Amino acid sequence: MNVKQLFDFITDLSIEETMVEEYLDKISVLTSQQEPLTQQEEVEQEVFRQAYIPQTLNEVVDFERDINLIKSGQGSSNTLIYQNIVGLNADLSGPKLIPELLAQDKDDEETGESSEGDSDSGSEEERGSKFVNSARPRDETAESKKLRKQEVKQQKAEKRKTKVKKHVKKRKEKVKIQKSK
């Protein structure tokens, strides 16, 4: 790996433990395909080594100026050295959830799929959320209200069947702590 790739691997907040092996495999494939460094690339690496990289946003002198330059097109996302540390997307649209290297592969795999892939990713977000919209519809009839309440009752009864009693849960935790000592 070159210095920039190593820095990105270490500081990228979007790389989770489950992704480390996959990420390292992709990097090793890329580095094996790379040609020897040119004089220009060696200079760029040395400049990167010597560059000041802030560790917190408090150490950034004018982050608003940097973001405005990139959004206006005057600078590239490569000029924002601390982008990985703060966890921003390359286009500064929001937080980075997947490393760029792995996101490129996922985009390549999804090119065969059309809008079906987009709706699938949306459902993953909905599954991750435990929020259930329980707002009552405005034009709800008495009969539909009765059915809705009955469904809620059934759901709560099902949940109670699988619930672990509080005293049992505490006892398990206590035993686990004693075994670890």
C-alpha atoms as a PDB file:
ATOM      1  CA  MET A   1       0.000   0.000   0.000  1.00  0.00           C
ATOM      2  CA  ASN A   2       1.109   3.521  -0.563  1.00  0.00           C
ATOM      3  CA  VAL A   3       1.104   6.021   2.279  1.00  0.00           C
ATOM      4  CA  LYS A   4      -2.288   7.557   1.388  1.00  0.00           C
ATOM      5  CA  GLN A   5      -3.985   4.141   1.152  1.00  0.00           C
ATOM      6  CA  LEU A   6      -2.547   3.097   4.506  1.00  0.00           C
ATOM      7  CA  PHE A   7      -3.646   6.366   6.097  1.00  0.00           C
ATOM      8  CA  ASP A   8      -7.158   5.941   4.677  1.00  0.00           C
ATOM      9  CA  PHE A   9      -7.364   2.366   5.963  1.00  0.00           C
ATOM     10  CA  ILE A  10      -6.333   3.339   9.475  1.00  0.00           C
ATOM     11  CA  THR A  11      -8.438   6.489   9.822  1.00  0.00           C
ATOM     12  CA  ASP A  12     -11.588   5.515   7.896  1.00  0.00           C
ATOM     13  CA  LEU A  13     -14.445   5.366  10.399  1.00  0.00           C
ATOM     14  CA  SER A  14     -16.729   3.547   7.969  1.00  0.00           C
ATOM     15  CA  ILE A  15     -14.584   0.377   7.943  1.00  0.00           C
ATOM     16  CA  GLU A  16     -16.137  -2.012  10.434  1.00  0.00           C
ATOM     17  CA  GLU A  17     -14.646  -5.245  11.779  1.00  0.00           C
ATOM     18  CA  THR A  18     -16.760  -7.292   9.392  1.00  0.00           C
ATOM     19  CA  MET A  19     -15.395  -5.356   6.396  1.00  0.00           C
ATOM     20  CA  VAL A  20     -11.675  -5.429   7.245  1.00  0.00           C
ATOM     21  CA  GLU A  21     -10.836  -8.668   5.419  1.00  0.00           C
ATOM     22  CA  GLU A  22     -12.807  -7.690   2.320  1.00  0.00           C
ATOM     23  CA  TYR A  23     -11.203  -4.241   2.298  1.00  0.00           C
ATOM     24  CA  LEU A  24      -7.684  -5.648   2.648  1.00  0.00           C
ATOM     25  CA  ASP A  25      -8.357  -8.142  -0.160  1.00  0.00           C
ATOM     26  CA  LYS A  26      -9.453  -5.318  -2.483  1.00  0.00           C
ATOM     27  CA  ILE A  27      -6.423  -3.210  -1.560  1.00  0.00           C
ATOM     28  CA  SER A  28      -4.041  -6.107  -2.171  1.00  0.00           C
ATOM     29  CA  VAL A  29      -5.566  -6.722  -5.606  1.00  0.00           C
ATOM     30  CA  LEU A  30      -5.240  -3.032  -6.471  1.00  0.00           C
ATOM     31  CA  THR A  31      -1.654  -2.765  -5.270  1.00  0.00           C
ATOM     32  CA  SER A  32      -0.625  -5.896  -7.155  1.00  0.00           C
ATOM     33  CA  GLN A  33      -1.996  -4.347 -10.366  1.00  0.00           C
ATOM     34  CA  GLN A  34      -0.266  -0.988  -9.831  1.00  0.00           C
ATOM     35  CA  GLU A  35       2.861  -0.081 -11.732  1.00  0.00           C
ATOM     36  CA  PRO A  36       5.959   1.237  -9.930  1.00  0.00           C
ATOM     37  CA  LEU A  37       5.596   4.781  -8.615  1.00  0.00           C
ATOM     38  CA  THR A  38       6.515   7.585 -10.975  1.00  0.00           C
ATOM     39  CA  GLN A  39       8.552  10.566  -9.872  1.00  0.00           C
ATOM     40  CA  GLN A  40       5.376  12.664  -9.594  1.00  0.00           C
ATOM     41  CA  GLU A  41       3.649  10.080  -7.381  1.00  0.00           C
ATOM     42  CA  GLU A  42       6.692   9.881  -5.102  1.00  0.00           C
ATOM     43  CA  VAL A  43       6.620  13.655  -4.713  1.00  0.00           C
ATOM     44  CA  GLU A  44       2.885  13.540  -3.916  1.00  0.00           C
ATOM     45  CA  GLN A  45       3.505  10.886  -1.255  1.00  0.00           C
ATOM     46  CA  GLU A  46       6.240  12.969   0.329  1.00  0.00           C
ATOM     47  CA  VAL A  47       3.974  16.025   0.321  1.00  0.00           C
ATOM     48  CA  PHE A  48       1.262  13.959   2.000  1.00  0.00           C
ATOM     49  CA  ARG A  49       3.726  12.793   4.671  1.00  0.00           C
ATOM     50  CA  GLN A  50       4.701  16.387   5.415  1.00  0.00           C
ATOM     51  CA  ALA A  51       1.157  17.795   5.387  1.00  0.00           C
ATOM     52  CA  TYR A  52      -0.485  18.849   8.630  1.00  0.00           C
ATOM     53  CA  ILE A  53      -3.523  16.661   9.288  1.00  0.00           C
ATOM     54  CA  PRO A  54      -5.885  17.959  11.976  1.00  0.00           C
ATOM     55  CA  GLN A  55      -7.202  15.368  14.395  1.00  0.00           C
ATOM     56  CA  THR A  56     -10.340  17.267  15.449  1.00  0.00           C
ATOM     57  CA  LEU A  57     -12.465  19.945  13.826  1.00  0.00           C
ATOM     58  CA  ASN A  58     -11.220  22.370  16.490  1.00  0.00           C
ATOM     59  CA  GLU A  59      -7.791  22.164  14.859  1.00  0.00           C
ATOM     60  CA  VAL A  60      -9.171  23.022  11.393  1.00  0.00           C
ATOM     61  CA  VAL A  61      -8.650  26.713  10.692  1.00  0.00           C
ATOM     62  CA  ASP A  62     -11.523  27.341   8.275  1.00  0.00           C
ATOM     63  CA  PHE A  63     -13.521  24.212   7.479  1.00  0.00           C
ATOM     64  CA  GLU A  64     -16.416  26.207   6.002  1.00  0.00           C
ATOM     65  CA  ARG A  65     -14.075  27.714   3.403  1.00  0.00           C
ATOM     66  CA  ASP A  66     -12.735  24.244   2.525  1.00  0.00           C
ATOM     67  CA  ILE A  67     -16.225  22.826   2.065  1.00  0.00           C
ATOM     68  CA  ASN A  68     -17.378  25.820  -0.014  1.00  0.00           C
ATOM     69  CA  LEU A  69     -14.318  25.496  -2.283  1.00  0.00           C
ATOM     70  CA  ILE A  70     -15.034  21.838  -2.943  1.00  0.00           C
ATOM     71  CA  LYS A  71     -18.758  22.350  -3.492  1.00  0.00           C
ATOM     72  CA  SER A  72     -18.107  25.223  -5.905  1.00  0.00           C
ATOM     73  CA  GLY A  73     -15.757  22.990  -7.905  1.00  0.00           C
ATOM     74  CA  GLN A  74     -12.583  24.990  -7.301  1.00  0.00           C
ATOM     75  CA  GLY A  75     -10.955  22.273  -5.217  1.00  0.00           C
ATOM     76  CA  SER A  76     -11.099  18.502  -5.321  1.00  0.00           C
ATOM     77  CA  SER A  77     -12.050  16.181  -2.491  1.00  0.00           C
ATOM     78  CA  ASN A  78      -8.381  15.137  -2.380  1.00  0.00           C
ATOM     79  CA  THR A  79      -7.505  18.619  -1.111  1.00  0.00           C
ATOM     80  CA  LEU A  80      -9.559  17.959   2.031  1.00  0.00           C
ATOM     81  CA  ILE A  81      -7.027  15.810   3.894  1.00  0.00           C
ATOM     82  CA  TYR A  82      -9.151  15.489   7.034  1.00  0.00           C
ATOM     83  CA  GLN A  83     -12.212  14.230   5.146  1.00  0.00           C
ATOM     84  CA  ASN A  84     -11.689  10.602   6.251  1.00  0.00           C
ATOM     85  CA  ILE A  85     -11.161  11.575   9.868  1.00  0.00           C
ATOM     86  CA  VAL A  86     -14.500  13.381  10.084  1.00  0.00           C
ATOM     87  CA  GLY A  87     -16.246  10.647   8.043  1.00  0.00           C
ATOM     88  CA  LEU A  88     -17.649  12.629   5.100  1.00  0.00           C
ATOM     89  CA  ASN A  89     -18.606  11.356   1.644  1.00  0.00           C
ATOM     90  CA  ALA A  90     -16.418  12.442  -1.277  1.00  0.00           C
ATOM     91  CA  ASP A  91     -19.118  14.884  -2.448  1.00  0.00           C
ATOM     92  CA  LEU A  92     -19.608  16.154   1.135  1.00  0.00           C
ATOM     93  CA  SER A  93     -23.295  15.220   1.015  1.00  0.00           C
ATOM     94  CA  GLY A  94     -23.272  13.520   4.398  1.00  0.00           C
ATOM     95  CA  PRO A  95     -21.631  10.855   6.525  1.00  0.00           C
ATOM     96  CA  LYS A  96     -19.800   8.018   4.810  1.00  0.00           C
ATOM     97  CA  LEU A  97     -21.368   4.665   5.704  1.00  0.00           C
ATOM     98  CA  ILE A  98     -19.322   2.369   3.457  1.00  0.00           C
ATOM     99  CA  PRO A  99     -15.649   2.800   2.488  1.00  0.00           C
ATOM    100  CA  GLU A 100     -15.210   4.191  -1.040  1.00  0.00           C
ATOM    101  CA  LEU A 101     -13.321   1.108  -2.202  1.00  0.00           C
ATOM    102  CA  LEU A 102     -16.124  -1.244  -1.146  1.00  0.00           C
ATOM    103  CA  ALA A 103     -18.831   1.167  -2.338  1.00  0.00           C
ATOM    104  CA  GLN A 104     -17.355   1.063  -5.851  1.00  0.00           C
ATOM    105  CA  ASP A 105     -17.611  -2.729  -5.894  1.00  0.00           C
ATOM    106  CA  LYS A 106     -21.189  -2.640  -4.671  1.00  0.00           C
ATOM    107  CA  ASP A 107     -22.051  -0.131  -7.409  1.00  0.00           C
ATOM    108  CA  ASP A 108     -20.493  -2.447 -10.005  1.00  0.00           C
ATOM    109  CA  GLU A 109     -22.558  -5.374  -8.724  1.00  0.00           C
ATOM    110  CA  GLU A 110     -25.775  -3.347  -8.688  1.00  0.00           C
ATOM    111  CA  THR A 111     -25.451  -2.051 -12.260  1.00  0.00           C
ATOM    112  CA  GLY A 112     -27.321  -5.127 -13.462  1.00  0.00           C
ATOM    113  CA  GLU A 113     -30.206  -4.330 -11.129  1.00  0.00           C
ATOM    114  CA  SER A 114     -32.546  -1.430 -11.793  1.00  0.00           C
ATOM    115  CA  SER A 115     -34.815   0.283  -9.292  1.00  0.00           C
ATOM    116  CA  GLU A 116     -35.279  -3.046  -7.541  1.00  0.00           C
ATOM    117  CA  GLY A 117     -31.886  -2.633  -5.835  1.00  0.00           C
ATOM    118  CA  ASP A 118     -32.810   0.874  -4.682  1.00  0.00           C
ATOM    119  CA  SER A 119     -36.014  -0.286  -3.010  1.00  0.00           C
ATOM    120  CA  ASP A 120     -34.157  -3.154  -1.353  1.00  0.00           C
ATOM    121  CA  SER A 121     -31.618  -0.815   0.254  1.00  0.00           C
ATOM    122  CA  GLY A 122     -34.456   1.331   1.567  1.00  0.00           C
ATOM    123  CA  SER A 123     -36.083  -1.666   3.217  1.00  0.00           C
ATOM    124  CA  GLU A 124     -32.809  -2.461   5.010  1.00  0.00           C
ATOM    125  CA  GLU A 125     -32.950   0.943   6.635  1.00  0.00           C
ATOM    126  CA  GLU A 126     -36.539   0.380   7.661  1.00  0.00           C
ATOM    127  CA  ARG A 127     -35.672  -3.025   9.142  1.00  0.00           C
ATOM    128  CA  GLY A 128     -32.833  -1.470  11.135  1.00  0.00           C
ATOM    129  CA  SER A 129     -35.209   0.991  12.764  1.00  0.00           C
ATOM    130  CA  LYS A 130     -37.415  -0.173  15.609  1.00  0.00           C
ATOM    131  CA  PHE A 131     -39.760   2.790  15.234  1.00  0.00           C
ATOM    132  CA  VAL A 132     -43.327   1.806  14.476  1.00  0.00           C
ATOM    133  CA  ASN A 133     -45.674   4.496  13.257  1.00  0.00           C
ATOM    134  CA  SER A 134     -48.741   4.182  15.449  1.00  0.00           C
ATOM    135  CA  ALA A 135     -50.434   7.377  14.370  1.00  0.00           C
ATOM    136  CA  ARG A 136     -54.164   7.051  13.974  1.00  0.00           C
ATOM    137  CA  PRO A 137     -55.459   7.781  10.459  1.00  0.00           C
ATOM    138  CA  ARG A 138     -57.742  10.829  10.278  1.00  0.00           C
ATOM    139  CA  ASP A 139     -60.657   9.176   8.580  1.00  0.00           C
ATOM    140  CA  GLU A 140     -60.562   6.024  10.688  1.00  0.00           C
ATOM    141  CA  THR A 141     -63.892   4.330  11.239  1.00  0.00           C
ATOM    142  CA  ALA A 142     -64.899   2.732  14.510  1.00  0.00           C
ATOM    143  CA  GLU A 143     -64.591  -0.720  12.953  1.00  0.00           C
ATOM    144  CA  SER A 144     -61.063  -0.132  11.627  1.00  0.00           C
ATOM    145  CA  LYS A 145     -60.058   1.319  14.992  1.00  0.00           C
ATOM    146  CA  LYS A 146     -61.300  -1.832  16.699  1.00  0.00           C
ATOM    147  CA  LEU A 147     -59.280  -4.009  14.273  1.00  0.00           C
ATOM    148  CA  ARG A 148     -56.157  -1.909  14.731  1.00  0.00           C
ATOM    149  CA  LYS A 149     -56.369  -2.110  18.518  1.00  0.00           C
ATOM    150  CA  GLN A 150     -56.916  -5.872  18.316  1.00  0.00           C
ATOM    151  CA  GLU A 151     -53.758  -6.242  16.192  1.00  0.00           C
ATOM    152  CA  VAL A 152     -51.746  -4.227  18.692  1.00  0.00           C
ATOM    153  CA  LYS A 153     -53.043  -6.447  21.514  1.00  0.00           C
ATOM    154  CA  GLN A 154     -52.010  -9.577  19.643  1.00  0.00           C
ATOM    155  CA  GLN A 155     -48.550  -8.190  18.925  1.00  0.00           C
ATOM    156  CA  LYS A 156     -48.014  -7.338  22.583  1.00  0.00           C
ATOM    157  CA  ALA A 157     -49.206 -10.787  23.660  1.00  0.00           C
ATOM    158  CA  GLU A 158     -46.706 -12.415  21.270  1.00  0.00           C
ATOM    159  CA  LYS A 159     -43.937 -10.213  22.626  1.00  0.00           C
ATOM    160  CA  ARG A 160     -44.792 -11.206  26.209  1.00  0.00           C
ATOM    161  CA  LYS A 161     -44.443 -14.891  25.305  1.00  0.00           C
ATOM    162  CA  THR A 162     -40.802 -14.473  24.334  1.00  0.00           C
ATOM    163  CA  LYS A 163     -39.910 -11.926  27.029  1.00  0.00           C
ATOM    164  CA  VAL A 164     -37.172 -12.845  29.483  1.00  0.00           C
ATOM    165  CA  LYS A 165     -38.090 -11.968  33.044  1.00  0.00           C
ATOM    166  CA  LYS A 166     -36.029  -9.210  34.584  1.00  0.00           C
ATOM    167  CA  HIS A 167     -34.840 -11.277  37.538  1.00  0.00           C
ATOM    168  CA  VAL A 168     -33.705 -14.064  35.192  1.00  0.00           C
ATOM    169  CA  LYS A 169     -31.762 -11.611  33.012  1.00  0.00           C
ATOM    170  CA  LYS A 170     -30.041 -10.057  36.043  1.00  0.00           C
ATOM    171  CA  ARG A 171     -29.136 -13.483  37.390  1.00  0.00           C
ATOM    172  CA  LYS A 172     -27.516 -14.451  34.059  1.00  0.00           C
ATOM    173  CA  GLU A 173     -25.467 -11.252  34.083  1.00  0.00           C
ATOM    174  CA  LYS A 174     -24.396 -11.864  37.690  1.00  0.00           C
ATOM    175  CA  VAL A 175     -23.315 -15.444  36.927  1.00  0.00           C
ATOM    176  CA  LYS A 176     -21.430 -14.279  33.805  1.00  0.00           C
ATOM    177  CA  ILE A 177     -19.512 -11.686  35.850  1.00  0.00           C
ATOM    178  CA  GLN A 178     -18.628 -14.246  38.525  1.00  0.00           C
ATOM    179  CA  LYS A 179     -17.338 -16.709  35.913  1.00  0.00           C
ATOM    180  CA  SER A 180     -15.135 -14.068  34.304  1.00  0.00           C
ATOM    181  CA  LYS A 181     -13.419 -13.363  37.657  1.00  0.00           C
END
